[in-house]
N, C-alpha and C. Protein backbone atom coordinates (compact mmCIF):
# COMPACT_ATOMS: atom_id res chain seq x y z
N MET A 1 121.20 111.08 125.87
CA MET A 1 119.93 111.18 125.17
C MET A 1 118.79 111.08 126.18
N LYS A 2 117.69 111.73 125.85
CA LYS A 2 116.51 111.75 126.71
C LYS A 2 115.52 110.69 126.24
N ARG A 3 114.92 109.96 127.17
CA ARG A 3 113.97 108.91 126.84
C ARG A 3 112.67 109.53 126.32
N LEU A 4 112.20 109.06 125.17
CA LEU A 4 110.93 109.51 124.61
C LEU A 4 109.79 108.64 125.11
N GLY A 5 109.89 107.33 124.91
CA GLY A 5 108.83 106.41 125.32
C GLY A 5 108.94 105.09 124.60
N ILE A 6 107.84 104.32 124.64
CA ILE A 6 107.79 102.98 124.07
C ILE A 6 106.88 102.98 122.84
N VAL A 7 107.31 102.31 121.78
CA VAL A 7 106.51 102.17 120.56
C VAL A 7 105.36 101.20 120.86
N VAL A 8 104.11 101.66 120.61
CA VAL A 8 102.95 100.82 120.89
C VAL A 8 102.30 100.25 119.63
N ASP A 9 102.55 100.89 118.46
CA ASP A 9 101.90 100.41 117.24
C ASP A 9 102.55 101.06 116.02
N VAL A 10 102.22 100.52 114.86
CA VAL A 10 102.59 101.12 113.58
C VAL A 10 101.29 101.49 112.89
N SER A 11 101.14 102.75 112.50
CA SER A 11 99.90 103.21 111.88
C SER A 11 99.80 102.71 110.44
N TYR A 12 98.61 102.83 109.87
CA TYR A 12 98.41 102.41 108.48
C TYR A 12 99.22 103.27 107.52
N ARG A 13 99.63 104.46 107.96
CA ARG A 13 100.46 105.35 107.13
C ARG A 13 101.94 105.03 107.24
N GLY A 14 102.30 104.10 108.12
CA GLY A 14 103.70 103.72 108.26
C GLY A 14 104.46 104.53 109.30
N THR A 15 103.74 105.23 110.18
CA THR A 15 104.42 105.96 111.26
C THR A 15 104.38 105.13 112.53
N LEU A 16 105.34 105.36 113.41
CA LEU A 16 105.41 104.66 114.68
C LEU A 16 104.62 105.44 115.72
N VAL A 17 103.67 104.79 116.38
CA VAL A 17 102.89 105.43 117.44
C VAL A 17 103.58 105.09 118.76
N THR A 18 103.97 106.13 119.47
CA THR A 18 104.76 105.98 120.70
C THR A 18 104.04 106.62 121.86
N ARG A 19 104.01 105.95 123.01
CA ARG A 19 103.46 106.54 124.24
C ARG A 19 104.61 107.27 124.92
N ALA A 20 104.54 108.58 124.94
CA ALA A 20 105.65 109.40 125.43
C ALA A 20 105.51 109.72 126.91
N GLU A 21 106.62 110.04 127.53
CA GLU A 21 106.64 110.46 128.93
C GLU A 21 106.38 111.95 129.05
N ALA A 22 106.72 112.71 128.02
CA ALA A 22 106.49 114.16 127.97
C ALA A 22 106.39 114.55 126.50
N ALA A 23 105.78 115.69 126.24
CA ALA A 23 105.59 116.12 124.85
C ALA A 23 106.88 116.67 124.27
N PRO A 24 107.36 116.08 123.17
CA PRO A 24 108.55 116.61 122.48
C PRO A 24 108.13 117.70 121.51
N SER A 25 109.09 118.33 120.89
CA SER A 25 108.83 119.33 119.86
C SER A 25 108.68 118.64 118.51
N LEU A 26 107.85 119.20 117.65
CA LEU A 26 107.71 118.66 116.30
C LEU A 26 109.05 118.76 115.58
N GLY A 27 109.40 117.71 114.86
CA GLY A 27 110.65 117.70 114.11
C GLY A 27 111.85 117.19 114.89
N ASP A 28 111.70 116.94 116.20
CA ASP A 28 112.83 116.39 116.97
C ASP A 28 113.28 115.06 116.38
N ARG A 29 114.58 114.83 116.37
CA ARG A 29 115.12 113.57 115.87
C ARG A 29 114.93 112.48 116.92
N VAL A 30 114.56 111.28 116.46
CA VAL A 30 114.26 110.15 117.34
C VAL A 30 115.25 109.02 117.05
N PHE A 31 115.74 108.40 118.11
CA PHE A 31 116.76 107.36 118.01
C PHE A 31 116.34 106.09 118.73
N THR A 32 116.90 104.95 118.31
CA THR A 32 116.72 103.71 119.04
C THR A 32 117.66 103.72 120.23
N SER A 33 117.55 102.73 121.09
CA SER A 33 118.45 102.67 122.25
C SER A 33 119.89 102.40 121.84
N ASP A 34 120.10 101.93 120.59
CA ASP A 34 121.45 101.70 120.05
C ASP A 34 122.08 102.98 119.52
N GLY A 35 121.31 104.07 119.47
CA GLY A 35 121.83 105.33 118.96
C GLY A 35 121.60 105.55 117.47
N GLU A 36 120.85 104.64 116.83
CA GLU A 36 120.56 104.76 115.40
C GLU A 36 119.34 105.66 115.21
N GLN A 37 119.46 106.67 114.34
CA GLN A 37 118.32 107.54 114.09
C GLN A 37 117.26 106.76 113.34
N ILE A 38 116.04 106.80 113.87
CA ILE A 38 114.94 106.04 113.26
C ILE A 38 113.93 106.96 112.58
N GLY A 39 113.88 108.24 112.99
CA GLY A 39 112.92 109.15 112.36
C GLY A 39 112.84 110.49 113.07
N ARG A 40 111.73 111.19 112.81
CA ARG A 40 111.48 112.51 113.41
C ARG A 40 110.06 112.56 113.94
N VAL A 41 109.85 113.38 114.98
CA VAL A 41 108.53 113.56 115.56
C VAL A 41 107.65 114.26 114.53
N GLU A 42 106.51 113.65 114.21
CA GLU A 42 105.60 114.20 113.21
C GLU A 42 104.37 114.84 113.86
N ARG A 43 103.85 114.21 114.92
CA ARG A 43 102.60 114.68 115.53
C ARG A 43 102.58 114.32 117.00
N VAL A 44 101.97 115.19 117.83
CA VAL A 44 101.80 114.94 119.26
C VAL A 44 100.31 115.10 119.54
N PHE A 45 99.70 114.09 120.21
CA PHE A 45 98.27 114.15 120.49
C PHE A 45 97.96 113.37 121.77
N GLY A 46 96.74 113.56 122.27
CA GLY A 46 96.30 112.85 123.46
C GLY A 46 96.47 113.66 124.72
N PRO A 47 96.44 112.99 125.89
CA PRO A 47 96.51 113.70 127.17
C PRO A 47 97.86 114.40 127.37
N VAL A 48 97.82 115.54 128.01
CA VAL A 48 99.02 116.33 128.22
C VAL A 48 100.02 115.58 129.09
N SER A 49 99.54 114.86 130.09
CA SER A 49 100.44 114.19 131.03
C SER A 49 101.22 113.03 130.40
N ARG A 50 100.63 112.29 129.48
CA ARG A 50 101.29 111.17 128.79
C ARG A 50 100.82 111.13 127.34
N PRO A 51 101.33 112.03 126.50
CA PRO A 51 100.83 112.11 125.11
C PRO A 51 101.29 110.94 124.25
N TYR A 52 100.64 110.80 123.13
CA TYR A 52 101.08 109.89 122.09
C TYR A 52 101.84 110.72 121.06
N VAL A 53 102.83 110.11 120.45
CA VAL A 53 103.67 110.78 119.47
C VAL A 53 103.77 109.88 118.24
N THR A 54 103.60 110.46 117.06
CA THR A 54 103.87 109.68 115.85
C THR A 54 105.25 110.07 115.34
N VAL A 55 106.01 109.06 114.98
CA VAL A 55 107.37 109.24 114.49
C VAL A 55 107.40 108.79 113.03
N LYS A 56 107.78 109.70 112.15
CA LYS A 56 107.90 109.38 110.73
C LYS A 56 109.29 108.80 110.49
N PRO A 57 109.36 107.53 110.06
CA PRO A 57 110.67 106.91 109.83
C PRO A 57 111.47 107.64 108.75
N THR A 58 112.79 107.68 108.93
CA THR A 58 113.65 108.35 107.96
C THR A 58 113.90 107.50 106.73
N SER A 59 113.76 106.18 106.86
CA SER A 59 113.94 105.31 105.68
C SER A 59 112.98 104.14 105.77
N GLY A 60 112.60 103.63 104.62
CA GLY A 60 111.68 102.50 104.57
C GLY A 60 112.38 101.16 104.67
N LYS A 61 113.69 101.16 104.83
CA LYS A 61 114.45 99.91 104.83
C LYS A 61 114.27 99.11 106.12
N ARG A 62 114.00 99.79 107.20
CA ARG A 62 113.90 99.13 108.50
C ARG A 62 112.53 98.46 108.63
N ARG A 63 112.50 97.27 109.21
CA ARG A 63 111.24 96.57 109.43
C ARG A 63 110.55 97.20 110.64
N LEU A 64 109.47 97.91 110.39
CA LEU A 64 108.81 98.69 111.43
C LEU A 64 108.15 97.84 112.50
N LEU A 65 107.61 96.69 112.15
CA LEU A 65 106.96 95.85 113.16
C LEU A 65 107.96 95.36 114.21
N GLY A 66 109.22 95.33 113.87
CA GLY A 66 110.26 94.88 114.80
C GLY A 66 110.55 95.87 115.91
N VAL A 67 110.05 97.09 115.82
CA VAL A 67 110.33 98.09 116.86
C VAL A 67 109.18 98.26 117.84
N ILE A 68 108.06 97.56 117.63
CA ILE A 68 106.96 97.63 118.60
C ILE A 68 107.44 97.09 119.94
N GLY A 69 107.20 97.85 120.99
CA GLY A 69 107.65 97.46 122.33
C GLY A 69 109.04 97.97 122.69
N LYS A 70 109.72 98.56 121.73
CA LYS A 70 111.09 99.07 121.97
C LYS A 70 111.05 100.50 122.49
N GLU A 71 112.10 100.86 123.18
CA GLU A 71 112.23 102.21 123.74
C GLU A 71 112.89 103.13 122.72
N LEU A 72 112.35 104.35 122.60
CA LEU A 72 112.92 105.36 121.72
C LEU A 72 113.43 106.53 122.54
N HIS A 73 114.39 107.27 121.97
CA HIS A 73 115.03 108.38 122.67
C HIS A 73 115.09 109.61 121.77
N LEU A 74 115.19 110.78 122.41
CA LEU A 74 115.41 112.03 121.71
C LEU A 74 116.86 112.46 121.88
N GLU A 75 117.35 113.24 120.96
CA GLU A 75 118.73 113.74 121.04
C GLU A 75 118.89 114.71 122.19
């Protein structure tokens, strides 16, 4: 798996804001370091060299605040 970046915040809409190392494609599947799918890339914004990415969680069951500071990966 390819490293996406670190989760920096949870938006008011319930998406994970991640500081990415490179811009992924919209709709890419996003995983935790354990290999569990956590969501999909919803939006890419900010500077081209280190963009921010919002990840829409696939389920509301996971406690989102617990993933702040964690590393996320792409398939």
